[in-house]
Amino acid sequence: ERKHRDIRNIPEGKILEPVGVFEALKQHGKYETGQLFLHSVFGYRGIVLFPWHARLYDRDVSPAADSKPDSVGHGSKEVKGKMHTYYQVLIDTRDCPHISQRSQTEAVTFLANHDDSRALYAIPGLDYVSHEDILPYNSTEQVPIQHELFERFLMFNPSRNTLRAWQEKNHPWLELSDVHRETTENIRVTVIPFYMGMREAQNSHVYWWRYCIRLENLGNEVVQLRERHWRIFSLSGTLETVRGRGVVGKEPVLSREQPAFQYSSHVSLQAPSGHMWGTFCFERTDGSHFDVRIPPFSLESNKYDKASPTGYPL
């Protein structure tokens, strides 16, 4: 149902062109590195770099649904974490202009963790998607995906497996560990936090995280995001409140035709851990407003302190 709903939403004046032949969806197991796919929500062409197993904390699922889970307690509700497959993927650069208003396609950044380094590593056109986001297909084209890293990472060279070598060096920095999800009045919020690294500033340590947020309208009512309200707690004992218009300078409209919006942002703490939570304020077409909960999520750095990301092998 979702596939037909999203693929039919063709921008005016655009002509459909064949890109390949759909393959059967994997009900069990995972898609492998090199799998071509269409994104079921945003519609872009992509290719799988790495599959990951993440802990999905879904606040819409009863705790009894998982018999041997991890758990996190926030407030009065204990949430069970269930292992779920996610993927790191490259986005076809030809599709970036068409999704730029719905999902960020600019480079994803990582900090180096060396005290004397100011390096910032960037991966252009990178996305993290869940197993359900993938509509797999195959293509007979020699270069089916246009991306500046496609040939370096995914063209076969028996003497130099650049992708594997880079993955092994950067494994903790590339792998997402926790995914948090909650639905309020048919608006589902998914949060994926990533630890970026640590910087020394004025004789203190500053820890940085990036978090990716997807907003999805699972209903038929047209709504628009108007405000965000964050609470950020640091292990050092500080509690910060952040309130503002929209997100990343936008106030996206979520409708049946364009049901989703995704963006990334950053947060820093002067402590190695903390957590965040909050609400998004949405407006209906009749002018009324309602709050959508952002599921609480942890900011952790301890398990990554011994390593630091490295750049591309050129």
C-alpha atoms as a PDB file:
ATOM      1  CA  GLU A   1       0.000   0.000   0.000  1.00  0.00           C
ATOM      2  CA  ARG A   2       2.742   2.449   0.952  1.00  0.00           C
ATOM      3  CA  LYS A   3       4.692   1.678  -2.223  1.00  0.00           C
ATOM      4  CA  HIS A   4       1.761   2.537  -4.466  1.00  0.00           C
ATOM      5  CA  ARG A   5       0.885   5.603  -2.413  1.00  0.00           C
ATOM      6  CA  ASP A   6       4.355   7.108  -2.616  1.00  0.00           C
ATOM      7  CA  ILE A   7       5.434   6.186  -6.124  1.00  0.00           C
ATOM      8  CA  ARG A   8       2.284   7.704  -7.619  1.00  0.00           C
ATOM      9  CA  ASN A   9       3.254  11.126  -6.296  1.00  0.00           C
ATOM     10  CA  ILE A  10       5.187  12.241  -9.350  1.00  0.00           C
ATOM     11  CA  PRO A  11       6.174  15.928  -9.498  1.00  0.00           C
ATOM     12  CA  GLU A  12       4.281  17.850 -12.160  1.00  0.00           C
ATOM     13  CA  GLY A  13       6.040  17.837 -15.510  1.00  0.00           C
ATOM     14  CA  LYS A  14       8.200  14.825 -14.652  1.00  0.00           C
ATOM     15  CA  ILE A  15       8.245  11.671 -16.752  1.00  0.00           C
ATOM     16  CA  LEU A  16       8.726   8.210 -15.304  1.00  0.00           C
ATOM     17  CA  GLU A  17      11.713   6.311 -16.632  1.00  0.00           C
ATOM     18  CA  PRO A  18      12.569   2.661 -15.937  1.00  0.00           C
ATOM     19  CA  VAL A  19      15.534   2.166 -13.593  1.00  0.00           C
ATOM     20  CA  GLY A  20      15.439  -1.604 -13.222  1.00  0.00           C
ATOM     21  CA  VAL A  21      13.282  -4.555 -12.246  1.00  0.00           C
ATOM     22  CA  PHE A  22      11.794  -4.927  -8.774  1.00  0.00           C
ATOM     23  CA  GLU A  23      12.915  -7.882  -6.703  1.00  0.00           C
ATOM     24  CA  ALA A  24      10.943  -9.701  -4.017  1.00  0.00           C
ATOM     25  CA  LEU A  25      10.963  -8.031  -0.605  1.00  0.00           C
ATOM     26  CA  LYS A  26      13.025  -9.865   2.022  1.00  0.00           C
ATOM     27  CA  GLN A  27      10.706 -10.969   4.803  1.00  0.00           C
ATOM     28  CA  HIS A  28      13.615 -12.616   6.633  1.00  0.00           C
ATOM     29  CA  GLY A  29      17.330 -11.881   6.654  1.00  0.00           C
ATOM     30  CA  LYS A  30      18.952  -8.708   5.398  1.00  0.00           C
ATOM     31  CA  TYR A  31      19.900  -6.994   2.150  1.00  0.00           C
ATOM     32  CA  GLU A  32      23.594  -7.181   1.350  1.00  0.00           C
ATOM     33  CA  THR A  33      26.175  -4.548   0.421  1.00  0.00           C
ATOM     34  CA  GLY A  34      25.586  -3.452  -3.169  1.00  0.00           C
ATOM     35  CA  GLN A  35      21.803  -3.968  -3.151  1.00  0.00           C
ATOM     36  CA  LEU A  36      20.013  -1.377  -5.309  1.00  0.00           C
ATOM     37  CA  PHE A  37      16.733  -0.028  -3.966  1.00  0.00           C
ATOM     38  CA  LEU A  38      14.082   2.668  -4.137  1.00  0.00           C
ATOM     39  CA  HIS A  39      13.285   4.381  -0.835  1.00  0.00           C
ATOM     40  CA  SER A  40       9.651   3.546  -0.044  1.00  0.00           C
ATOM     41  CA  VAL A  41       9.007   6.919   1.631  1.00  0.00           C
ATOM     42  CA  PHE A  42      11.220   9.446  -0.173  1.00  0.00           C
ATOM     43  CA  GLY A  43      11.410   7.659  -3.529  1.00  0.00           C
ATOM     44  CA  TYR A  44      15.130   8.128  -4.226  1.00  0.00           C
ATOM     45  CA  ARG A  45      17.425   5.557  -5.823  1.00  0.00           C
ATOM     46  CA  GLY A  46      20.062   4.227  -3.454  1.00  0.00           C
ATOM     47  CA  ILE A  47      22.540   1.463  -2.816  1.00  0.00           C
ATOM     48  CA  VAL A  48      23.282  -0.387   0.428  1.00  0.00           C
ATOM     49  CA  LEU A  49      26.720   0.127   1.966  1.00  0.00           C
ATOM     50  CA  PHE A  50      26.363  -1.736   5.265  1.00  0.00           C
ATOM     51  CA  PRO A  51      23.573  -3.510   7.116  1.00  0.00           C
ATOM     52  CA  TRP A  52      23.463  -2.891  10.893  1.00  0.00           C
ATOM     53  CA  HIS A  53      21.587  -4.407  13.789  1.00  0.00           C
ATOM     54  CA  ALA A  54      20.169  -1.620  15.937  1.00  0.00           C
ATOM     55  CA  ARG A  55      18.113  -1.677  19.114  1.00  0.00           C
ATOM     56  CA  LEU A  56      14.714  -0.220  18.260  1.00  0.00           C
ATOM     57  CA  TYR A  57      12.897   1.309  21.234  1.00  0.00           C
ATOM     58  CA  ASP A  58       9.321   1.629  19.993  1.00  0.00           C
ATOM     59  CA  ARG A  59       7.073   3.358  22.525  1.00  0.00           C
ATOM     60  CA  ASP A  60       4.013   2.297  20.504  1.00  0.00           C
ATOM     61  CA  VAL A  61       4.649  -1.406  21.187  1.00  0.00           C
ATOM     62  CA  SER A  62       3.593  -3.185  24.358  1.00  0.00           C
ATOM     63  CA  PRO A  63       6.536  -4.206  26.596  1.00  0.00           C
ATOM     64  CA  ALA A  64       5.243  -7.777  26.520  1.00  0.00           C
ATOM     65  CA  ALA A  65       5.992  -8.002  22.795  1.00  0.00           C
ATOM     66  CA  ASP A  66       9.632  -8.933  23.409  1.00  0.00           C
ATOM     67  CA  SER A  67      10.693 -11.726  25.743  1.00  0.00           C
ATOM     68  CA  LYS A  68      14.448 -11.016  26.006  1.00  0.00           C
ATOM     69  CA  PRO A  69      14.893  -7.297  25.393  1.00  0.00           C
ATOM     70  CA  ASP A  70      17.062  -4.489  26.577  1.00  0.00           C
ATOM     71  CA  SER A  71      14.966  -1.869  28.327  1.00  0.00           C
ATOM     72  CA  VAL A  72      15.071   1.817  29.038  1.00  0.00           C
ATOM     73  CA  GLY A  73      12.871   3.579  31.543  1.00  0.00           C
ATOM     74  CA  HIS A  74      11.849   7.196  31.060  1.00  0.00           C
ATOM     75  CA  GLY A  75       9.202   8.532  33.384  1.00  0.00           C
ATOM     76  CA  SER A  76       6.621   5.878  34.239  1.00  0.00           C
ATOM     77  CA  LYS A  77       6.978   3.818  31.085  1.00  0.00           C
ATOM     78  CA  GLU A  78       9.574   1.119  30.517  1.00  0.00           C
ATOM     79  CA  VAL A  79      10.345   0.613  26.837  1.00  0.00           C
ATOM     80  CA  LYS A  80      11.659  -2.634  25.444  1.00  0.00           C
ATOM     81  CA  GLY A  81      14.410  -2.593  22.844  1.00  0.00           C
ATOM     82  CA  LYS A  82      14.125  -5.092  19.992  1.00  0.00           C
ATOM     83  CA  MET A  83      16.878  -5.807  17.478  1.00  0.00           C
ATOM     84  CA  HIS A  84      16.048  -4.486  14.019  1.00  0.00           C
ATOM     85  CA  THR A  85      17.976  -4.212  10.755  1.00  0.00           C
ATOM     86  CA  TYR A  86      18.974  -0.769   9.496  1.00  0.00           C
ATOM     87  CA  TYR A  87      21.236   0.175   6.605  1.00  0.00           C
ATOM     88  CA  GLN A  88      23.778   2.800   5.773  1.00  0.00           C
ATOM     89  CA  VAL A  89      23.181   3.770   2.143  1.00  0.00           C
ATOM     90  CA  LEU A  90      24.330   6.137  -0.588  1.00  0.00           C
ATOM     91  CA  ILE A  91      21.765   8.351  -2.315  1.00  0.00           C
ATOM     92  CA  ASP A  92      21.869   8.719  -6.097  1.00  0.00           C
ATOM     93  CA  THR A  93      22.969  12.308  -6.742  1.00  0.00           C
ATOM     94  CA  ARG A  94      20.462  12.623  -9.597  1.00  0.00           C
ATOM     95  CA  ASP A  95      17.648  12.319  -7.066  1.00  0.00           C
ATOM     96  CA  CYS A  96      19.024  14.734  -4.464  1.00  0.00           C
ATOM     97  CA  PRO A  97      17.393  17.865  -5.990  1.00  0.00           C
ATOM     98  CA  HIS A  98      13.989  16.159  -5.921  1.00  0.00           C
ATOM     99  CA  ILE A  99      14.112  15.185  -2.230  1.00  0.00           C
ATOM    100  CA  SER A 100      16.070  18.118  -0.812  1.00  0.00           C
ATOM    101  CA  GLN A 101      12.900  19.755   0.559  1.00  0.00           C
ATOM    102  CA  ARG A 102      11.860  16.554   2.330  1.00  0.00           C
ATOM    103  CA  SER A 103      15.146  15.029   3.438  1.00  0.00           C
ATOM    104  CA  GLN A 104      18.647  16.432   3.915  1.00  0.00           C
ATOM    105  CA  THR A 105      21.118  15.165   1.329  1.00  0.00           C
ATOM    106  CA  GLU A 106      24.191  17.185   2.229  1.00  0.00           C
ATOM    107  CA  ALA A 107      27.276  15.598   3.739  1.00  0.00           C
ATOM    108  CA  VAL A 108      27.113  13.788   7.072  1.00  0.00           C
ATOM    109  CA  THR A 109      29.985  14.924   9.295  1.00  0.00           C
ATOM    110  CA  PHE A 110      32.182  13.222  11.879  1.00  0.00           C
ATOM    111  CA  LEU A 111      34.680  14.792  14.269  1.00  0.00           C
ATOM    112  CA  ALA A 112      38.148  13.411  14.870  1.00  0.00           C
ATOM    113  CA  ASN A 113      38.829  12.505  18.476  1.00  0.00           C
ATOM    114  CA  HIS A 114      42.508  13.499  18.589  1.00  0.00           C
ATOM    115  CA  ASP A 115      43.259  16.323  21.005  1.00  0.00           C
ATOM    116  CA  ASP A 116      45.453  18.141  18.486  1.00  0.00           C
ATOM    117  CA  SER A 117      43.213  17.589  15.471  1.00  0.00           C
ATOM    118  CA  ARG A 118      40.541  19.874  14.086  1.00  0.00           C
ATOM    119  CA  ALA A 119      39.679  17.469  11.281  1.00  0.00           C
ATOM    120  CA  LEU A 120      36.080  17.111  10.202  1.00  0.00           C
ATOM    121  CA  TYR A 121      35.230  14.160   8.002  1.00  0.00           C
ATOM    122  CA  ALA A 122      32.317  14.359   5.598  1.00  0.00           C
ATOM    123  CA  ILE A 123      30.375  11.651   3.790  1.00  0.00           C
ATOM    124  CA  PRO A 124      28.208  13.167   1.037  1.00  0.00           C
ATOM    125  CA  GLY A 125      24.784  11.772   0.181  1.00  0.00           C
ATOM    126  CA  LEU A 126      24.625   9.328   3.093  1.00  0.00           C
ATOM    127  CA  ASP A 127      21.415   8.115   4.704  1.00  0.00           C
ATOM    128  CA  TYR A 128      20.326   5.601   7.329  1.00  0.00           C
ATOM    129  CA  VAL A 129      17.222   3.592   6.470  1.00  0.00           C
ATOM    130  CA  SER A 130      15.239   0.794   8.079  1.00  0.00           C
ATOM    131  CA  HIS A 131      14.572  -2.581   6.488  1.00  0.00           C
ATOM    132  CA  GLU A 132      11.006  -1.504   5.649  1.00  0.00           C
ATOM    133  CA  ASP A 133      12.267   1.546   3.723  1.00  0.00           C
ATOM    134  CA  ILE A 134      13.857  -0.607   1.030  1.00  0.00           C
ATOM    135  CA  LEU A 135      12.165  -1.599  -2.233  1.00  0.00           C
ATOM    136  CA  PRO A 136      14.880  -3.735  -3.848  1.00  0.00           C
ATOM    137  CA  TYR A 137      15.530  -3.823  -7.574  1.00  0.00           C
ATOM    138  CA  ASN A 138      18.223  -4.933  -9.970  1.00  0.00           C
ATOM    139  CA  SER A 139      19.684  -3.150 -12.980  1.00  0.00           C
ATOM    140  CA  THR A 140      21.772  -4.134 -15.989  1.00  0.00           C
ATOM    141  CA  GLU A 141      23.504  -0.741 -16.121  1.00  0.00           C
ATOM    142  CA  GLN A 142      27.250  -0.855 -15.485  1.00  0.00           C
ATOM    143  CA  VAL A 143      27.037   2.172 -13.182  1.00  0.00           C
ATOM    144  CA  PRO A 144      23.442   2.063 -11.903  1.00  0.00           C
ATOM    145  CA  ILE A 145      23.971   4.664  -9.151  1.00  0.00           C
ATOM    146  CA  GLN A 146      25.582   8.060  -9.614  1.00  0.00           C
ATOM    147  CA  HIS A 147      27.573   9.015  -6.516  1.00  0.00           C
ATOM    148  CA  GLU A 148      31.145  10.227  -6.149  1.00  0.00           C
ATOM    149  CA  LEU A 149      31.999   7.298  -3.871  1.00  0.00           C
ATOM    150  CA  PHE A 150      30.281   4.556  -5.891  1.00  0.00           C
ATOM    151  CA  GLU A 151      33.297   3.411  -7.886  1.00  0.00           C
ATOM    152  CA  ARG A 152      35.670   3.712  -4.930  1.00  0.00           C
ATOM    153  CA  PHE A 153      33.485   1.708  -2.585  1.00  0.00           C
ATOM    154  CA  LEU A 154      31.420  -0.646  -4.717  1.00  0.00           C
ATOM    155  CA  MET A 155      33.230  -1.435  -7.986  1.00  0.00           C
ATOM    156  CA  PHE A 156      35.004  -4.784  -7.589  1.00  0.00           C
ATOM    157  CA  ASN A 157      38.779  -4.646  -7.218  1.00  0.00           C
ATOM    158  CA  PRO A 158      40.318  -7.850  -5.797  1.00  0.00           C
ATOM    159  CA  SER A 159      43.529  -6.103  -4.785  1.00  0.00           C
ATOM    160  CA  ARG A 160      41.921  -3.247  -2.878  1.00  0.00           C
ATOM    161  CA  ASN A 161      38.713  -3.557  -0.893  1.00  0.00           C
ATOM    162  CA  THR A 162      38.417   0.116  -0.015  1.00  0.00           C
ATOM    163  CA  LEU A 163      34.938  -0.176   1.449  1.00  0.00           C
ATOM    164  CA  ARG A 164      35.829  -2.998   3.842  1.00  0.00           C
ATOM    165  CA  ALA A 165      39.054  -1.335   4.978  1.00  0.00           C
ATOM    166  CA  TRP A 166      37.285   1.953   5.636  1.00  0.00           C
ATOM    167  CA  GLN A 167      34.410   0.199   7.385  1.00  0.00           C
ATOM    168  CA  GLU A 168      36.769  -1.663   9.734  1.00  0.00           C
ATOM    169  CA  LYS A 169      38.577   1.545  10.716  1.00  0.00           C
ATOM    170  CA  ASN A 170      35.391   3.515  11.259  1.00  0.00           C
ATOM    171  CA  HIS A 171      33.036   0.815  12.492  1.00  0.00           C
ATOM    172  CA  PRO A 172      31.966   2.418  15.810  1.00  0.00           C
ATOM    173  CA  TRP A 173      31.473   5.793  14.161  1.00  0.00           C
ATOM    174  CA  LEU A 174      29.357   4.488  11.303  1.00  0.00           C
ATOM    175  CA  GLU A 175      27.203   1.987  13.139  1.00  0.00           C
ATOM    176  CA  LEU A 176      24.045   3.287  14.723  1.00  0.00           C
ATOM    177  CA  SER A 177      23.200   1.578  17.984  1.00  0.00           C
ATOM    178  CA  ASP A 178      19.794   2.803  19.180  1.00  0.00           C
ATOM    179  CA  VAL A 179      16.669   3.959  17.365  1.00  0.00           C
ATOM    180  CA  HIS A 180      13.756   5.547  19.230  1.00  0.00           C
ATOM    181  CA  ARG A 181      10.208   5.825  17.907  1.00  0.00           C
ATOM    182  CA  GLU A 182       6.889   7.175  19.189  1.00  0.00           C
ATOM    183  CA  THR A 183       3.553   8.142  17.607  1.00  0.00           C
ATOM    184  CA  THR A 184       1.225  10.916  18.764  1.00  0.00           C
ATOM    185  CA  GLU A 185      -2.072  11.579  16.928  1.00  0.00           C
ATOM    186  CA  ASN A 186      -0.858   9.761  13.792  1.00  0.00           C
ATOM    187  CA  ILE A 187       2.477  11.638  13.699  1.00  0.00           C
ATOM    188  CA  ARG A 188       5.371   9.233  14.158  1.00  0.00           C
ATOM    189  CA  VAL A 189       8.719  10.582  15.318  1.00  0.00           C
ATOM    190  CA  THR A 190      11.839   8.455  14.812  1.00  0.00           C
ATOM    191  CA  VAL A 191      15.142   9.544  16.374  1.00  0.00           C
ATOM    192  CA  ILE A 192      18.590   8.086  15.629  1.00  0.00           C
ATOM    193  CA  PRO A 193      21.440   9.556  17.725  1.00  0.00           C
ATOM    194  CA  PHE A 194      25.135   9.255  16.791  1.00  0.00           C
ATOM    195  CA  TYR A 195      28.204  10.095  18.820  1.00  0.00           C
ATOM    196  CA  MET A 196      30.512  12.321  16.740  1.00  0.00           C
ATOM    197  CA  GLY A 197      33.545  12.829  18.949  1.00  0.00           C
ATOM    198  CA  MET A 198      35.117  15.000  21.641  1.00  0.00           C
ATOM    199  CA  ARG A 199      36.893  18.346  21.548  1.00  0.00           C
ATOM    200  CA  GLU A 200      38.989  20.083  24.175  1.00  0.00           C
ATOM    201  CA  ALA A 201      38.017  23.692  24.794  1.00  0.00           C
ATOM    202  CA  GLN A 202      39.281  25.962  27.585  1.00  0.00           C
ATOM    203  CA  ASN A 203      40.614  23.069  29.672  1.00  0.00           C
ATOM    204  CA  SER A 204      37.352  21.145  29.455  1.00  0.00           C
ATOM    205  CA  HIS A 205      35.985  18.389  27.256  1.00  0.00           C
ATOM    206  CA  VAL A 206      33.068  19.044  24.895  1.00  0.00           C
ATOM    207  CA  TYR A 207      31.251  15.978  23.553  1.00  0.00           C
ATOM    208  CA  TRP A 208      29.284  16.173  20.297  1.00  0.00           C
ATOM    209  CA  TRP A 209      26.373  14.132  18.969  1.00  0.00           C
ATOM    210  CA  ARG A 210      24.395  14.241  15.769  1.00  0.00           C
ATOM    211  CA  TYR A 211      20.776  13.135  15.746  1.00  0.00           C
ATOM    212  CA  CYS A 212      18.614  12.313  12.753  1.00  0.00           C
ATOM    213  CA  ILE A 213      14.847  12.809  13.062  1.00  0.00           C
ATOM    214  CA  ARG A 214      12.128  11.597  10.733  1.00  0.00           C
ATOM    215  CA  LEU A 215       8.569  12.903  11.022  1.00  0.00           C
ATOM    216  CA  GLU A 216       5.870  10.812   9.343  1.00  0.00           C
ATOM    217  CA  ASN A 217       2.167  11.527   8.963  1.00  0.00           C
ATOM    218  CA  LEU A 218       0.430   8.161   9.180  1.00  0.00           C
ATOM    219  CA  GLY A 219      -3.052   9.684   8.850  1.00  0.00           C
ATOM    220  CA  ASN A 220      -4.989  11.599   6.205  1.00  0.00           C
ATOM    221  CA  GLU A 221      -5.111  15.034   7.874  1.00  0.00           C
ATOM    222  CA  VAL A 222      -2.787  17.775   6.577  1.00  0.00           C
ATOM    223  CA  VAL A 223      -0.614  19.212   9.362  1.00  0.00           C
ATOM    224  CA  GLN A 224       2.298  21.646   9.554  1.00  0.00           C
ATOM    225  CA  LEU A 225       5.169  21.698  12.036  1.00  0.00           C
ATOM    226  CA  ARG A 226       5.334  25.081  13.753  1.00  0.00           C
ATOM    227  CA  GLU A 227       7.589  24.852  16.828  1.00  0.00           C
ATOM    228  CA  ARG A 228      10.084  22.611  18.580  1.00  0.00           C
ATOM    229  CA  HIS A 229      10.626  22.355  22.330  1.00  0.00           C
ATOM    230  CA  TRP A 230      13.672  20.441  23.580  1.00  0.00           C
ATOM    231  CA  ARG A 231      14.877  19.519  27.061  1.00  0.00           C
ATOM    232  CA  ILE A 232      18.560  18.524  27.196  1.00  0.00           C
ATOM    233  CA  PHE A 233      19.947  16.974  30.376  1.00  0.00           C
ATOM    234  CA  SER A 234      23.689  16.555  30.918  1.00  0.00           C
ATOM    235  CA  LEU A 235      25.395  14.165  33.329  1.00  0.00           C
ATOM    236  CA  SER A 236      27.116  17.255  34.728  1.00  0.00           C
ATOM    237  CA  GLY A 237      23.737  18.187  36.196  1.00  0.00           C
ATOM    238  CA  THR A 238      22.598  20.904  33.792  1.00  0.00           C
ATOM    239  CA  LEU A 239      19.142  20.991  32.201  1.00  0.00           C
ATOM    240  CA  GLU A 240      18.760  23.155  29.111  1.00  0.00           C
ATOM    241  CA  THR A 241      15.515  24.168  27.424  1.00  0.00           C
ATOM    242  CA  VAL A 242      15.497  25.021  23.723  1.00  0.00           C
ATOM    243  CA  ARG A 243      12.417  26.426  22.036  1.00  0.00           C
ATOM    244  CA  GLY A 244      12.091  27.793  18.515  1.00  0.00           C
ATOM    245  CA  ARG A 245      10.198  28.014  15.251  1.00  0.00           C
ATOM    246  CA  GLY A 246      10.240  24.998  12.958  1.00  0.00           C
ATOM    247  CA  VAL A 247      13.313  22.808  12.449  1.00  0.00           C
ATOM    248  CA  VAL A 248      16.473  23.630  10.463  1.00  0.00           C
ATOM    249  CA  GLY A 249      14.798  26.815   9.249  1.00  0.00           C
ATOM    250  CA  LYS A 250      11.751  25.017   7.835  1.00  0.00           C
ATOM    251  CA  GLU A 251       8.136  24.446   8.837  1.00  0.00           C
ATOM    252  CA  PRO A 252       7.304  21.365   6.768  1.00  0.00           C
ATOM    253  CA  VAL A 253       3.784  20.366   5.779  1.00  0.00           C
ATOM    254  CA  LEU A 254       2.979  16.670   6.148  1.00  0.00           C
ATOM    255  CA  SER A 255       0.181  15.397   3.927  1.00  0.00           C
ATOM    256  CA  ARG A 256      -0.912  12.133   2.350  1.00  0.00           C
ATOM    257  CA  GLU A 257       0.989  13.114  -0.807  1.00  0.00           C
ATOM    258  CA  GLN A 258       4.147  14.194   1.053  1.00  0.00           C
ATOM    259  CA  PRO A 259       3.885  12.312   4.356  1.00  0.00           C
ATOM    260  CA  ALA A 260       7.443  12.539   5.666  1.00  0.00           C
ATOM    261  CA  PHE A 261      10.212  14.987   6.509  1.00  0.00           C
ATOM    262  CA  GLN A 262      13.704  14.117   7.733  1.00  0.00           C
ATOM    263  CA  TYR A 263      16.529  16.267   9.074  1.00  0.00           C
ATOM    264  CA  SER A 264      19.701  16.120  11.157  1.00  0.00           C
ATOM    265  CA  SER A 265      21.007  18.415  13.860  1.00  0.00           C
ATOM    266  CA  HIS A 266      23.745  18.495  16.499  1.00  0.00           C
ATOM    267  CA  VAL A 267      24.068  18.876  20.254  1.00  0.00           C
ATOM    268  CA  SER A 268      27.073  19.230  22.559  1.00  0.00           C
ATOM    269  CA  LEU A 269      27.518  18.535  26.274  1.00  0.00           C
ATOM    270  CA  GLN A 270      30.308  19.189  28.725  1.00  0.00           C
ATOM    271  CA  ALA A 271      29.831  15.654  30.016  1.00  0.00           C
ATOM    272  CA  PRO A 272      30.269  12.238  28.383  1.00  0.00           C
ATOM    273  CA  SER A 273      26.571  11.425  28.540  1.00  0.00           C
ATOM    274  CA  GLY A 274      23.093  12.830  28.933  1.00  0.00           C
ATOM    275  CA  HIS A 275      19.675  12.551  27.343  1.00  0.00           C
ATOM    276  CA  MET A 276      17.152  14.587  25.358  1.00  0.00           C
ATOM    277  CA  TRP A 277      13.382  14.675  24.982  1.00  0.00           C
ATOM    278  CA  GLY A 278      10.709  17.162  23.976  1.00  0.00           C
ATOM    279  CA  THR A 279       7.764  17.956  21.725  1.00  0.00           C
ATOM    280  CA  PHE A 280       6.961  19.281  18.272  1.00  0.00           C
ATOM    281  CA  CYS A 281       3.973  21.616  17.981  1.00  0.00           C
ATOM    282  CA  PHE A 282       1.860  20.960  14.871  1.00  0.00           C
ATOM    283  CA  GLU A 283      -0.962  23.030  13.370  1.00  0.00           C
ATOM    284  CA  ARG A 284      -4.041  21.595  11.659  1.00  0.00           C
ATOM    285  CA  THR A 285      -5.776  23.205   8.681  1.00  0.00           C
ATOM    286  CA  ASP A 286      -8.489  24.579  11.017  1.00  0.00           C
ATOM    287  CA  GLY A 287      -5.842  26.503  12.982  1.00  0.00           C
ATOM    288  CA  SER A 288      -5.834  24.279  16.056  1.00  0.00           C
ATOM    289  CA  HIS A 289      -2.571  23.024  17.513  1.00  0.00           C
ATOM    290  CA  PHE A 290      -1.369  19.812  19.143  1.00  0.00           C
ATOM    291  CA  ASP A 291       1.912  18.560  20.603  1.00  0.00           C
ATOM    292  CA  VAL A 292       3.735  15.511  19.294  1.00  0.00           C
ATOM    293  CA  ARG A 293       6.089  13.771  21.711  1.00  0.00           C
ATOM    294  CA  ILE A 294       9.762  13.300  20.845  1.00  0.00           C
ATOM    295  CA  PRO A 295      10.788   9.971  22.391  1.00  0.00           C
ATOM    296  CA  PRO A 296      13.504  10.365  25.064  1.00  0.00           C
ATOM    297  CA  PHE A 297      16.899   9.162  23.904  1.00  0.00           C
ATOM    298  CA  SER A 298      20.300   8.774  25.513  1.00  0.00           C
ATOM    299  CA  LEU A 299      23.507  10.522  24.492  1.00  0.00           C
ATOM    300  CA  GLU A 300      26.393   8.153  25.201  1.00  0.00           C
ATOM    301  CA  SER A 301      30.106   8.408  24.408  1.00  0.00           C
ATOM    302  CA  ASN A 302      31.904   5.965  26.706  1.00  0.00           C
ATOM    303  CA  LYS A 303      31.962   2.971  24.397  1.00  0.00           C
ATOM    304  CA  TYR A 304      33.550   5.037  21.601  1.00  0.00           C
ATOM    305  CA  ASP A 305      36.269   6.836  23.546  1.00  0.00           C
ATOM    306  CA  LYS A 306      39.103   4.523  22.511  1.00  0.00           C
ATOM    307  CA  ALA A 307      38.762   5.097  18.779  1.00  0.00           C
ATOM    308  CA  SER A 308      38.467   7.984  16.362  1.00  0.00           C
ATOM    309  CA  PRO A 309      37.197   8.198  12.805  1.00  0.00           C
ATOM    310  CA  THR A 310      39.534   8.323   9.855  1.00  0.00           C
ATOM    311  CA  GLY A 311      39.040   9.906   6.460  1.00  0.00           C
ATOM    312  CA  TYR A 312      38.645   8.272   3.100  1.00  0.00           C
ATOM    313  CA  PRO A 313      41.596   6.227   1.795  1.00  0.00           C
ATOM    314  CA  LEU A 314      42.455   8.275  -1.266  1.00  0.00           C
END
